[in-house]
Amino acid sequence: MRMVLRLVVSIAVCLILVIEASEAFAQANTGTIKGRVRLTGKLPGNPVIRMGMDPMCSRMNAGKRILQEYVVATVDGNLANVFVHLQGNVPQSPVSTQPVMIDQKGCVFLPRVVGVRIGQTLQIKNSDSFLHNAHGLSGKDNSFNVGQPTAGNVFNFKPKNEEIMLHLKCDIHNWMNAYIGIVTNPYFAVSDTTGAFEIDKVPAGTYMLQAWHERFGPVTKSVTVKAGAVTTVDFTYTGNEKAASSTEELPLVAGNLVSTQRHEDTKARE
């Protein structure tokens, strides 16, 4: 009996060593993609959101100028909220059990752009003490539409199909917008307020890398990743590009989006 137990333990130890060696090899055979997204053209203005149609939203944001952040860029053109991901047949890894969170706070979605894998949980939370609804507008069978009446309410959703991008709205407060990149692999990122993005632990190889912006649409580049190296890929928009479908809101008589403000003001608020 002791010999059998020792044999079982020995086999288990060998399996652990093999798995660790495989993981170490896989990690050693990976590289990093870094880059920056820039807008070279004239910076457009962003509408100021007028929340008077809902007194509760208006009170929460009293004294603030909340912009509809269609184009978040610094004065020198560094572009935020760009979803960057590897396309096509990419080596897979286990899906993360860590959920991706979008919050409804102060009558806006935060953050505006996220990525999630098929099979990973997307959580949409309501932090406001009144009714919102989360409405996912999908062309790939990822649609949902749920009411969230109280603070702390969380909706859990697992997307079924790859989709660039799923548009998230609140039908009650139609200025609320967010975008969700649904992908099959973990190699994606969202550019920050400096326009920078980074995707690490990418298996060595040659891929197509796509950047997507809600106003300017997709841009694609070929990228070759080498083991142990950092590959730099920058994307540039001129400002003349246009996404396949516009998400621009029309001004409402009740006072939704009625005036504009330049991104120099956005820069000053950061």
Protein backbone atom coordinates (compact mmCIF):
# COMPACT_ATOMS: atom_id res chain seq x y z
CA MET A 1 0.00 0.00 0.00
CA ARG A 2 2.86 2.35 0.87
CA MET A 3 4.54 1.60 -2.46
CA VAL A 4 1.34 2.46 -4.34
CA LEU A 5 1.01 5.71 -2.39
CA ARG A 6 4.63 6.61 -3.14
CA LEU A 7 4.06 5.86 -6.82
CA VAL A 8 0.96 8.08 -6.89
CA VAL A 9 2.84 10.91 -5.16
CA SER A 10 5.77 10.53 -7.57
CA ILE A 11 3.47 10.70 -10.60
CA ALA A 12 1.72 13.78 -9.18
CA VAL A 13 5.07 15.50 -8.59
CA CYS A 14 6.19 14.67 -12.13
CA LEU A 15 2.98 16.10 -13.57
CA ILE A 16 3.41 19.31 -11.58
CA LEU A 17 7.00 19.64 -12.80
CA VAL A 18 5.91 19.07 -16.41
CA ILE A 19 3.15 21.68 -16.14
CA GLU A 20 5.50 24.21 -14.53
CA ALA A 21 8.12 23.54 -17.22
CA SER A 22 5.51 23.98 -19.96
CA GLU A 23 4.29 27.25 -18.46
CA ALA A 24 7.85 28.50 -18.05
CA PHE A 25 8.61 27.63 -21.70
CA ALA A 26 5.42 29.30 -22.91
CA GLN A 27 6.19 32.45 -20.94
CA ALA A 28 9.80 32.48 -22.15
CA ASN A 29 8.48 32.29 -25.72
CA THR A 30 6.44 35.47 -25.38
CA GLY A 31 6.96 39.16 -25.97
CA THR A 32 5.28 42.49 -25.33
CA ILE A 33 3.49 44.90 -27.65
CA LYS A 34 3.64 48.56 -26.68
CA GLY A 35 2.40 51.57 -28.53
CA ARG A 36 0.59 54.87 -28.60
CA VAL A 37 -2.47 56.14 -30.46
CA ARG A 38 -2.44 59.68 -31.80
CA LEU A 39 -4.84 62.03 -33.51
CA THR A 40 -3.01 64.31 -35.95
CA GLY A 41 -5.96 66.36 -37.13
CA LYS A 42 -7.84 69.17 -35.44
CA LEU A 43 -9.28 68.14 -32.10
CA PRO A 44 -13.08 68.16 -32.29
CA GLY A 45 -15.28 69.52 -29.56
CA ASN A 46 -17.19 67.31 -27.15
CA PRO A 47 -20.79 68.15 -26.24
CA VAL A 48 -21.58 69.11 -22.67
CA ILE A 49 -24.20 66.79 -21.22
CA ARG A 50 -27.26 68.64 -19.96
CA MET A 51 -28.87 66.43 -17.32
CA GLY A 52 -31.91 68.58 -16.60
CA MET A 53 -34.23 65.89 -17.97
CA ASP A 54 -33.51 63.97 -14.73
CA PRO A 55 -33.33 66.20 -11.62
CA MET A 56 -31.52 63.48 -9.64
CA CYS A 57 -28.70 63.31 -12.19
CA SER A 58 -28.61 67.09 -12.32
CA ARG A 59 -28.28 67.40 -8.54
CA MET A 60 -25.51 64.80 -8.40
CA ASN A 61 -23.45 66.75 -10.92
CA ALA A 62 -24.28 70.29 -9.77
CA GLY A 63 -21.44 72.69 -10.59
CA LYS A 64 -19.70 70.21 -12.91
CA ARG A 65 -19.30 70.25 -16.68
CA ILE A 66 -19.69 66.61 -17.70
CA LEU A 67 -18.71 66.03 -21.31
CA GLN A 68 -19.95 63.39 -23.72
CA GLU A 69 -16.45 62.05 -24.30
CA TYR A 70 -16.65 61.02 -27.94
CA VAL A 71 -13.00 61.96 -28.47
CA VAL A 72 -10.74 62.09 -25.39
CA ALA A 73 -7.40 63.53 -26.46
CA THR A 74 -4.68 65.76 -25.08
CA VAL A 75 -3.76 69.00 -26.83
CA ASP A 76 -0.85 67.22 -28.55
CA GLY A 77 -3.12 64.49 -29.90
CA ASN A 78 -2.65 61.53 -27.57
CA LEU A 79 -5.91 59.59 -27.94
CA ALA A 80 -7.58 57.64 -25.13
CA ASN A 81 -10.35 55.00 -25.17
CA VAL A 82 -9.01 53.13 -28.19
CA PHE A 83 -9.54 49.36 -28.02
CA VAL A 84 -6.50 47.46 -29.35
CA HIS A 85 -6.53 43.69 -29.89
CA LEU A 86 -4.92 40.82 -31.80
CA GLN A 87 -7.09 39.40 -34.56
CA GLY A 88 -7.38 35.93 -36.03
CA ASN A 89 -5.98 32.58 -34.96
CA VAL A 90 -4.08 33.40 -31.77
CA PRO A 91 -2.76 30.84 -29.24
CA GLN A 92 -5.26 30.49 -26.42
CA SER A 93 -4.95 30.55 -22.64
CA PRO A 94 -7.46 29.87 -19.83
CA VAL A 95 -10.23 32.45 -19.53
CA SER A 96 -9.82 34.66 -16.48
CA THR A 97 -12.24 34.11 -13.62
CA GLN A 98 -11.84 37.79 -12.70
CA PRO A 99 -14.89 39.75 -13.90
CA VAL A 100 -14.70 42.95 -15.94
CA MET A 101 -16.64 45.79 -14.28
CA ILE A 102 -18.54 48.76 -15.71
CA ASP A 103 -20.09 51.08 -13.14
CA GLN A 104 -23.03 53.49 -13.47
CA LYS A 105 -21.98 56.38 -11.28
CA GLY A 106 -23.07 59.99 -11.44
CA CYS A 107 -25.27 59.09 -14.43
CA VAL A 108 -22.37 58.03 -16.64
CA PHE A 109 -20.79 54.66 -17.45
CA LEU A 110 -17.28 54.16 -16.06
CA PRO A 111 -15.06 53.25 -17.81
CA ARG A 112 -16.27 54.10 -21.30
CA VAL A 113 -14.32 51.33 -23.07
CA VAL A 114 -13.46 47.83 -21.80
CA GLY A 115 -12.51 44.44 -23.20
CA VAL A 116 -13.83 41.04 -22.16
CA ARG A 117 -13.26 37.49 -23.39
CA ILE A 118 -15.96 35.09 -24.47
CA GLY A 119 -16.76 33.06 -21.36
CA GLN A 120 -15.55 35.79 -18.99
CA THR A 121 -18.06 37.58 -16.77
CA LEU A 122 -18.96 41.18 -17.49
CA GLN A 123 -20.45 42.91 -14.46
CA ILE A 124 -22.52 46.06 -14.84
CA LYS A 125 -23.07 47.79 -11.52
CA ASN A 126 -25.39 50.59 -10.47
CA SER A 127 -23.78 52.84 -7.86
CA ASP A 128 -26.54 55.47 -8.08
CA SER A 129 -29.51 55.30 -5.73
CA PHE A 130 -32.08 55.41 -8.52
CA LEU A 131 -33.08 53.52 -11.66
CA HIS A 132 -30.76 52.91 -14.59
CA ASN A 133 -31.07 50.29 -17.27
CA ALA A 134 -28.21 48.53 -19.03
CA HIS A 135 -29.00 47.95 -22.71
CA GLY A 136 -26.43 46.10 -24.81
CA LEU A 137 -27.00 46.76 -28.53
CA SER A 138 -25.53 43.79 -30.38
CA GLY A 139 -25.45 42.41 -33.89
CA LYS A 140 -23.90 39.13 -32.72
CA ASP A 141 -26.41 37.63 -30.27
CA ASN A 142 -24.87 39.41 -27.28
CA SER A 143 -27.88 41.65 -26.60
CA PHE A 144 -29.31 42.30 -23.15
CA ASN A 145 -31.61 44.86 -21.55
CA VAL A 146 -32.03 44.89 -17.78
CA GLY A 147 -33.34 47.36 -15.23
CA GLN A 148 -31.16 48.21 -12.23
CA PRO A 149 -33.36 50.12 -9.76
CA THR A 150 -31.13 50.43 -6.69
CA ALA A 151 -27.57 51.21 -5.65
CA GLY A 152 -25.41 48.10 -5.45
CA ASN A 153 -27.40 46.20 -8.06
CA VAL A 154 -25.08 44.11 -10.27
CA PHE A 155 -25.93 42.45 -13.58
CA ASN A 156 -23.69 39.51 -14.58
CA PHE A 157 -23.36 38.70 -18.26
CA LYS A 158 -21.21 36.25 -20.22
CA PRO A 159 -20.92 37.18 -23.92
CA LYS A 160 -21.40 34.43 -26.48
CA ASN A 161 -19.77 35.71 -29.66
CA GLU A 162 -16.83 37.86 -30.66
CA GLU A 163 -17.94 41.43 -31.38
CA ILE A 164 -16.07 44.67 -32.04
CA MET A 165 -17.81 46.54 -30.46
CA LEU A 166 -20.91 46.01 -28.29
CA HIS A 167 -22.59 49.38 -27.64
CA LEU A 168 -23.92 49.83 -24.09
CA LYS A 169 -26.58 52.45 -23.38
CA CYS A 170 -29.03 53.46 -20.68
CA ASP A 171 -32.48 53.98 -22.23
CA ILE A 172 -33.54 56.13 -19.28
CA HIS A 173 -30.57 58.51 -19.60
CA ASN A 174 -29.76 58.43 -23.29
CA TRP A 175 -26.47 60.32 -22.95
CA MET A 176 -24.93 57.30 -21.19
CA ASN A 177 -22.62 55.36 -23.55
CA ALA A 178 -19.97 52.68 -23.18
CA TYR A 179 -18.32 50.17 -25.52
CA ILE A 180 -17.30 46.57 -24.91
CA GLY A 181 -14.79 44.71 -27.06
CA ILE A 182 -15.70 41.00 -26.96
CA VAL A 183 -12.77 38.84 -28.05
CA THR A 184 -11.61 35.23 -28.11
CA ASN A 185 -8.11 35.79 -26.72
CA PRO A 186 -6.55 37.74 -23.83
CA TYR A 187 -4.33 39.96 -25.97
CA PHE A 188 -6.06 43.32 -25.85
CA ALA A 189 -5.76 46.70 -24.16
CA VAL A 190 -7.40 50.14 -24.03
CA SER A 191 -5.30 53.24 -24.58
CA ASP A 192 -5.00 55.50 -21.53
CA THR A 193 -5.12 59.30 -21.27
CA THR A 194 -1.59 59.52 -22.70
CA GLY A 195 -2.64 57.42 -25.70
CA ALA A 196 -0.45 54.53 -24.52
CA PHE A 197 -1.34 50.84 -24.51
CA GLU A 198 0.51 47.63 -23.64
CA ILE A 199 -0.24 43.96 -24.29
CA ASP A 200 2.09 41.52 -22.53
CA LYS A 201 2.79 37.77 -22.64
CA VAL A 202 1.98 37.58 -26.34
CA PRO A 203 3.19 34.30 -27.94
CA ALA A 204 5.96 34.90 -30.48
CA GLY A 205 4.63 35.15 -34.02
CA THR A 206 3.19 37.48 -36.64
CA TYR A 207 -0.33 38.80 -36.18
CA MET A 208 -2.77 41.48 -37.25
CA LEU A 209 -3.27 44.13 -34.59
CA GLN A 210 -6.41 46.24 -34.77
CA ALA A 211 -7.17 49.56 -33.07
CA TRP A 212 -10.81 50.69 -32.81
CA HIS A 213 -12.19 54.09 -31.85
CA GLU A 214 -15.88 54.92 -31.52
CA ARG A 215 -15.67 57.93 -33.85
CA PHE A 216 -12.81 56.99 -36.17
CA GLY A 217 -13.38 53.26 -36.55
CA PRO A 218 -10.78 50.50 -37.05
CA VAL A 219 -7.14 50.68 -38.16
CA THR A 220 -5.12 47.50 -38.65
CA LYS A 221 -1.38 46.82 -38.74
CA SER A 222 0.80 43.73 -39.01
CA VAL A 223 2.96 43.06 -35.96
CA THR A 224 5.75 40.53 -35.36
CA VAL A 225 6.32 39.57 -31.75
CA LYS A 226 9.72 38.14 -30.76
CA ALA A 227 10.40 36.13 -27.61
CA GLY A 228 11.73 38.26 -24.77
CA ALA A 229 11.44 41.49 -26.78
CA VAL A 230 9.24 44.57 -26.84
CA THR A 231 7.62 45.41 -30.17
CA THR A 232 6.44 48.99 -30.69
CA VAL A 233 3.38 49.66 -32.83
CA ASP A 234 1.86 53.14 -33.06
CA PHE A 235 -1.50 54.02 -34.58
CA THR A 236 -2.44 57.37 -36.11
CA TYR A 237 -5.84 58.84 -36.94
CA THR A 238 -6.16 61.97 -39.04
CA GLY A 239 -9.63 62.80 -37.75
CA ASN A 240 -11.17 62.33 -41.21
CA GLU A 241 -11.96 58.67 -40.56
CA LYS A 242 -15.48 57.66 -39.64
CA ALA A 243 -16.77 54.57 -37.88
CA ALA A 244 -19.21 52.33 -39.76
CA SER A 245 -22.09 53.53 -37.56
CA SER A 246 -22.27 56.91 -35.87
CA THR A 247 -23.12 57.09 -32.17
CA GLU A 248 -23.59 60.83 -32.07
CA GLU A 249 -26.62 61.94 -30.10
CA LEU A 250 -29.05 64.49 -31.49
CA PRO A 251 -29.79 67.53 -29.30
CA LEU A 252 -32.98 67.13 -27.31
CA VAL A 253 -35.52 69.83 -26.60
CA ALA A 254 -35.43 68.75 -22.95
CA GLY A 255 -31.78 69.72 -22.85
CA ASN A 256 -29.57 66.68 -23.38
CA LEU A 257 -26.58 67.64 -25.54
CA VAL A 258 -26.71 71.22 -26.67
CA SER A 259 -23.28 72.83 -26.55
CA THR A 260 -19.67 71.98 -27.31
CA GLN A 261 -16.36 72.49 -25.61
CA ARG A 262 -12.88 71.95 -27.00
CA HIS A 263 -10.52 69.28 -25.75
CA GLU A 264 -8.21 71.93 -24.36
CA ASP A 265 -10.88 72.23 -21.65
CA THR A 266 -10.84 68.46 -21.23
CA LYS A 267 -7.08 68.62 -20.77
CA ALA A 268 -7.49 71.30 -18.13
CA ARG A 269 -9.96 69.13 -16.20
CA GLU A 270 -7.55 66.15 -16.06
